[in-house]
Amino acid sequence: MIQQIKSIFFPSIKVISTIVIISALIWEIGNIYATFTDLKIPSSLNPIFGIERFALSAHLIEAIIAAFYASSKGKSSIRYATYTFFVGTVSLWELFDSELKTFVKKS
């Protein structure tokens, strides 16, 4: 059951997440540029900036977690942290897949 879910949804989630995080980075860079050049940004965009910052923060935390655990799993910390930053929770699931299988079997 879990394998079917992973094979169907994970590739789509990876692509969508990467696109959304890159878009969030572009939004933030644009906001920083606007701040430094004294451009006025409509206040109606503030909720979008809030969501974007939350997504970037969550992915950064996931990347830090991945960096710590990747080396113990035989993976490059920097590479896996970068991958996790763009992909998100799916990459952490992949990193801890063997431990999750053990946990599911015990439950």
N, C-alpha and C. Protein backbone atom coordinates (compact mmCIF):
# COMPACT_ATOMS: atom_id res chain seq x y z
N MET A 1 0.82 -1.20 0.00
CA MET A 1 0.00 0.00 0.00
C MET A 1 0.87 1.26 0.00
N ILE A 2 1.84 1.31 0.93
CA ILE A 2 2.70 2.48 1.01
C ILE A 2 3.56 2.60 -0.25
N GLN A 3 4.02 1.47 -0.77
CA GLN A 3 4.82 1.48 -2.00
C GLN A 3 4.02 2.05 -3.16
N GLN A 4 2.74 1.73 -3.25
CA GLN A 4 1.90 2.27 -4.32
C GLN A 4 1.76 3.78 -4.19
N ILE A 5 1.56 4.23 -2.97
CA ILE A 5 1.44 5.68 -2.73
C ILE A 5 2.74 6.38 -3.12
N LYS A 6 3.86 5.80 -2.69
CA LYS A 6 5.15 6.40 -3.00
C LYS A 6 5.40 6.45 -4.51
N SER A 7 5.08 5.38 -5.21
CA SER A 7 5.36 5.36 -6.64
C SER A 7 4.44 6.28 -7.43
N ILE A 8 3.26 6.54 -6.92
CA ILE A 8 2.32 7.41 -7.63
C ILE A 8 2.54 8.88 -7.29
N PHE A 9 2.63 9.19 -6.01
CA PHE A 9 2.62 10.59 -5.58
C PHE A 9 4.00 11.22 -5.43
N PHE A 10 5.01 10.47 -5.02
CA PHE A 10 6.30 11.07 -4.73
C PHE A 10 6.92 11.80 -5.92
N PRO A 11 6.93 11.23 -7.11
CA PRO A 11 7.52 11.98 -8.23
C PRO A 11 6.81 13.31 -8.49
N SER A 12 5.49 13.32 -8.39
CA SER A 12 4.73 14.56 -8.60
C SER A 12 5.02 15.57 -7.49
N ILE A 13 5.07 15.09 -6.26
CA ILE A 13 5.34 15.97 -5.13
C ILE A 13 6.73 16.59 -5.27
N LYS A 14 7.70 15.79 -5.71
CA LYS A 14 9.06 16.30 -5.87
C LYS A 14 9.11 17.44 -6.88
N VAL A 15 8.46 17.26 -8.01
CA VAL A 15 8.46 18.29 -9.06
C VAL A 15 7.73 19.54 -8.58
N ILE A 16 6.56 19.36 -8.02
CA ILE A 16 5.76 20.50 -7.56
C ILE A 16 6.49 21.25 -6.45
N SER A 17 7.06 20.52 -5.51
CA SER A 17 7.77 21.15 -4.40
C SER A 17 8.97 21.95 -4.88
N THR A 18 9.71 21.39 -5.81
CA THR A 18 10.87 22.11 -6.35
C THR A 18 10.44 23.40 -7.03
N ILE A 19 9.39 23.34 -7.81
CA ILE A 19 8.88 24.53 -8.50
C ILE A 19 8.41 25.59 -7.49
N VAL A 20 7.71 25.14 -6.46
CA VAL A 20 7.18 26.08 -5.46
C VAL A 20 8.32 26.73 -4.67
N ILE A 21 9.33 25.95 -4.29
CA ILE A 21 10.45 26.52 -3.52
C ILE A 21 11.26 27.49 -4.37
N ILE A 22 11.49 27.15 -5.62
CA ILE A 22 12.20 28.08 -6.50
C ILE A 22 11.38 29.36 -6.67
N SER A 23 10.08 29.22 -6.81
CA SER A 23 9.21 30.41 -6.91
C SER A 23 9.27 31.23 -5.64
N ALA A 24 9.30 30.57 -4.49
CA ALA A 24 9.39 31.29 -3.22
C ALA A 24 10.71 32.04 -3.10
N LEU A 25 11.77 31.41 -3.55
CA LEU A 25 13.08 32.10 -3.54
C LEU A 25 13.05 33.32 -4.45
N ILE A 26 12.46 33.19 -5.62
CA ILE A 26 12.36 34.33 -6.54
C ILE A 26 11.52 35.44 -5.93
N TRP A 27 10.40 35.08 -5.28
CA TRP A 27 9.55 36.07 -4.62
C TRP A 27 10.34 36.81 -3.55
N GLU A 28 11.12 36.07 -2.77
CA GLU A 28 11.88 36.70 -1.69
C GLU A 28 12.99 37.60 -2.24
N ILE A 29 13.66 37.14 -3.27
CA ILE A 29 14.70 37.97 -3.90
C ILE A 29 14.07 39.24 -4.47
N GLY A 30 12.90 39.10 -5.09
CA GLY A 30 12.19 40.27 -5.60
C GLY A 30 11.79 41.23 -4.50
N ASN A 31 11.36 40.69 -3.39
CA ASN A 31 10.97 41.53 -2.25
C ASN A 31 12.19 42.26 -1.68
N ILE A 32 13.31 41.56 -1.56
CA ILE A 32 14.54 42.19 -1.08
C ILE A 32 14.99 43.29 -2.04
N TYR A 33 14.92 43.00 -3.33
CA TYR A 33 15.28 44.00 -4.33
C TYR A 33 14.38 45.23 -4.21
N ALA A 34 13.09 44.99 -4.06
CA ALA A 34 12.14 46.11 -3.94
C ALA A 34 12.42 46.94 -2.69
N THR A 35 12.81 46.28 -1.62
CA THR A 35 13.12 46.99 -0.39
C THR A 35 14.35 47.88 -0.56
N PHE A 36 15.39 47.34 -1.20
CA PHE A 36 16.62 48.12 -1.39
C PHE A 36 16.46 49.26 -2.40
N THR A 37 15.58 49.10 -3.35
CA THR A 37 15.40 50.13 -4.38
C THR A 37 14.20 51.03 -4.11
N ASP A 38 13.62 50.90 -2.92
CA ASP A 38 12.47 51.72 -2.51
C ASP A 38 11.27 51.59 -3.44
N LEU A 39 11.06 50.41 -4.00
CA LEU A 39 9.86 50.16 -4.79
C LEU A 39 8.71 49.83 -3.85
N LYS A 40 7.54 50.26 -4.19
CA LYS A 40 6.36 50.00 -3.38
C LYS A 40 5.74 48.68 -3.81
N ILE A 41 5.55 47.79 -2.84
CA ILE A 41 4.89 46.52 -3.10
C ILE A 41 3.51 46.61 -2.48
N PRO A 42 2.48 46.22 -3.22
CA PRO A 42 1.12 46.29 -2.67
C PRO A 42 0.99 45.46 -1.39
N SER A 43 0.28 46.00 -0.43
CA SER A 43 0.11 45.29 0.84
C SER A 43 -0.73 44.02 0.66
N SER A 44 -1.44 43.92 -0.43
CA SER A 44 -2.23 42.71 -0.68
C SER A 44 -1.33 41.49 -0.92
N LEU A 45 -0.06 41.72 -1.20
CA LEU A 45 0.88 40.61 -1.42
C LEU A 45 1.51 40.12 -0.12
N ASN A 46 1.27 40.81 0.99
CA ASN A 46 1.87 40.40 2.27
C ASN A 46 1.52 38.97 2.68
N PRO A 47 0.27 38.51 2.50
CA PRO A 47 -0.02 37.10 2.83
C PRO A 47 0.80 36.11 2.00
N ILE A 48 1.05 36.44 0.75
CA ILE A 48 1.86 35.57 -0.10
C ILE A 48 3.28 35.51 0.44
N PHE A 49 3.82 36.66 0.87
CA PHE A 49 5.17 36.68 1.43
C PHE A 49 5.22 35.89 2.74
N GLY A 50 4.16 35.93 3.52
CA GLY A 50 4.11 35.16 4.75
C GLY A 50 4.13 33.66 4.48
N ILE A 51 3.32 33.22 3.53
CA ILE A 51 3.28 31.80 3.16
C ILE A 51 4.63 31.37 2.59
N GLU A 52 5.19 32.21 1.76
CA GLU A 52 6.48 31.91 1.13
C GLU A 52 7.58 31.78 2.19
N ARG A 53 7.59 32.67 3.17
CA ARG A 53 8.61 32.60 4.21
C ARG A 53 8.42 31.37 5.10
N PHE A 54 7.16 31.01 5.35
CA PHE A 54 6.90 29.80 6.13
C PHE A 54 7.41 28.57 5.38
N ALA A 55 7.15 28.48 4.08
CA ALA A 55 7.61 27.34 3.28
C ALA A 55 9.13 27.27 3.25
N LEU A 56 9.77 28.41 3.04
CA LEU A 56 11.24 28.43 3.03
C LEU A 56 11.81 28.03 4.39
N SER A 57 11.21 28.50 5.46
CA SER A 57 11.68 28.15 6.80
C SER A 57 11.51 26.66 7.08
N ALA A 58 10.36 26.11 6.71
CA ALA A 58 10.11 24.69 6.93
C ALA A 58 11.10 23.84 6.14
N HIS A 59 11.35 24.20 4.90
CA HIS A 59 12.28 23.45 4.08
C HIS A 59 13.72 23.61 4.58
N LEU A 60 14.04 24.77 5.12
CA LEU A 60 15.38 24.96 5.69
C LEU A 60 15.57 24.07 6.92
N ILE A 61 14.57 23.98 7.77
CA ILE A 61 14.65 23.10 8.94
C ILE A 61 14.79 21.65 8.50
N GLU A 62 14.02 21.24 7.49
CA GLU A 62 14.14 19.88 6.96
C GLU A 62 15.53 19.63 6.39
N ALA A 63 16.09 20.62 5.73
CA ALA A 63 17.44 20.48 5.17
C ALA A 63 18.48 20.33 6.26
N ILE A 64 18.32 21.05 7.35
CA ILE A 64 19.25 20.93 8.48
C ILE A 64 19.16 19.53 9.09
N ILE A 65 17.95 19.03 9.26
CA ILE A 65 17.77 17.67 9.78
C ILE A 65 18.43 16.66 8.84
N ALA A 66 18.21 16.82 7.55
CA ALA A 66 18.80 15.90 6.57
C ALA A 66 20.32 15.96 6.61
N ALA A 67 20.87 17.15 6.78
CA ALA A 67 22.33 17.29 6.82
C ALA A 67 22.92 16.51 7.99
N PHE A 68 22.25 16.55 9.13
CA PHE A 68 22.75 15.83 10.29
C PHE A 68 22.67 14.31 10.12
N TYR A 69 21.59 13.83 9.51
CA TYR A 69 21.39 12.39 9.43
C TYR A 69 21.93 11.74 8.16
N ALA A 70 22.21 12.52 7.14
CA ALA A 70 22.64 11.95 5.87
C ALA A 70 23.97 11.21 5.99
N SER A 71 24.90 11.76 6.72
CA SER A 71 26.21 11.10 6.83
C SER A 71 26.10 9.75 7.53
N SER A 72 25.18 9.62 8.49
CA SER A 72 25.01 8.33 9.16
C SER A 72 24.34 7.30 8.25
N LYS A 73 23.73 7.77 7.17
CA LYS A 73 23.09 6.88 6.20
C LYS A 73 23.97 6.66 4.98
N GLY A 74 25.21 7.15 5.03
CA GLY A 74 26.14 6.95 3.92
C GLY A 74 25.93 7.88 2.74
N LYS A 75 25.34 9.04 2.98
CA LYS A 75 25.09 10.01 1.92
C LYS A 75 25.86 11.30 2.22
N SER A 76 26.11 12.08 1.20
CA SER A 76 26.79 13.36 1.35
C SER A 76 25.85 14.36 2.05
N SER A 77 26.32 14.94 3.14
CA SER A 77 25.47 15.85 3.92
C SER A 77 25.02 17.07 3.13
N ILE A 78 25.96 17.72 2.44
CA ILE A 78 25.63 18.94 1.70
C ILE A 78 24.68 18.63 0.55
N ARG A 79 24.97 17.59 -0.20
CA ARG A 79 24.09 17.24 -1.33
C ARG A 79 22.69 16.88 -0.86
N TYR A 80 22.61 16.08 0.19
CA TYR A 80 21.28 15.65 0.63
C TYR A 80 20.53 16.80 1.29
N ALA A 81 21.24 17.69 1.96
CA ALA A 81 20.57 18.86 2.54
C ALA A 81 20.01 19.76 1.45
N THR A 82 20.78 19.94 0.37
CA THR A 82 20.30 20.75 -0.75
C THR A 82 19.09 20.10 -1.40
N TYR A 83 19.19 18.80 -1.63
CA TYR A 83 18.06 18.03 -2.20
C TYR A 83 16.83 18.16 -1.31
N THR A 84 17.03 18.03 0.00
CA THR A 84 15.91 18.12 0.93
C THR A 84 15.32 19.52 0.95
N PHE A 85 16.16 20.54 0.84
CA PHE A 85 15.64 21.91 0.83
C PHE A 85 14.65 22.11 -0.32
N PHE A 86 14.98 21.58 -1.48
CA PHE A 86 14.10 21.78 -2.63
C PHE A 86 12.94 20.80 -2.67
N VAL A 87 13.12 19.58 -2.20
CA VAL A 87 12.06 18.57 -2.31
C VAL A 87 11.18 18.54 -1.07
N GLY A 88 11.77 18.69 0.10
CA GLY A 88 10.98 18.74 1.33
C GLY A 88 10.85 17.41 2.04
N THR A 89 9.70 17.17 2.62
CA THR A 89 9.45 16.04 3.48
C THR A 89 9.65 14.70 2.77
N VAL A 90 9.38 14.65 1.50
CA VAL A 90 9.55 13.41 0.74
C VAL A 90 10.99 12.92 0.83
N SER A 91 11.94 13.82 0.77
CA SER A 91 13.35 13.40 0.84
C SER A 91 13.70 12.89 2.24
N LEU A 92 13.09 13.47 3.27
CA LEU A 92 13.31 12.93 4.61
C LEU A 92 12.70 11.55 4.73
N TRP A 93 11.55 11.36 4.13
CA TRP A 93 10.91 10.04 4.12
C TRP A 93 11.85 9.03 3.45
N GLU A 94 12.45 9.42 2.34
CA GLU A 94 13.39 8.54 1.65
C GLU A 94 14.62 8.25 2.52
N LEU A 95 15.10 9.26 3.24
CA LEU A 95 16.27 9.09 4.07
C LEU A 95 16.01 8.10 5.21
N PHE A 96 14.84 8.20 5.79
CA PHE A 96 14.50 7.34 6.93
C PHE A 96 13.63 6.16 6.53
N ASP A 97 13.61 5.80 5.26
CA ASP A 97 12.72 4.76 4.75
C ASP A 97 12.91 3.43 5.48
N SER A 98 14.12 3.00 5.71
CA SER A 98 14.34 1.71 6.37
C SER A 98 13.83 1.75 7.80
N GLU A 99 14.02 2.87 8.49
CA GLU A 99 13.53 2.98 9.86
C GLU A 99 12.00 3.04 9.88
N LEU A 100 11.39 3.66 8.89
CA LEU A 100 9.94 3.72 8.82
C LEU A 100 9.35 2.33 8.57
N LYS A 101 10.00 1.55 7.71
CA LYS A 101 9.52 0.19 7.46
C LYS A 101 9.53 -0.63 8.73
N THR A 102 10.59 -0.50 9.52
CA THR A 102 10.68 -1.22 10.79
C THR A 102 9.60 -0.76 11.75
N PHE A 103 9.35 0.56 11.79
CA PHE A 103 8.33 1.12 12.67
C PHE A 103 6.94 0.64 12.27
N VAL A 104 6.66 0.59 10.97
CA VAL A 104 5.34 0.18 10.49
C VAL A 104 5.11 -1.30 10.80
N LYS A 105 6.13 -2.12 10.67
CA LYS A 105 5.99 -3.55 10.94
C LYS A 105 5.73 -3.81 12.42
N LYS A 106 6.31 -2.98 13.30
CA LYS A 106 6.11 -3.17 14.74
C LYS A 106 4.72 -2.73 15.16
N SER A 107 4.15 -1.78 14.47
CA SER A 107 2.84 -1.24 14.86
C SER A 107 1.72 -2.19 14.55
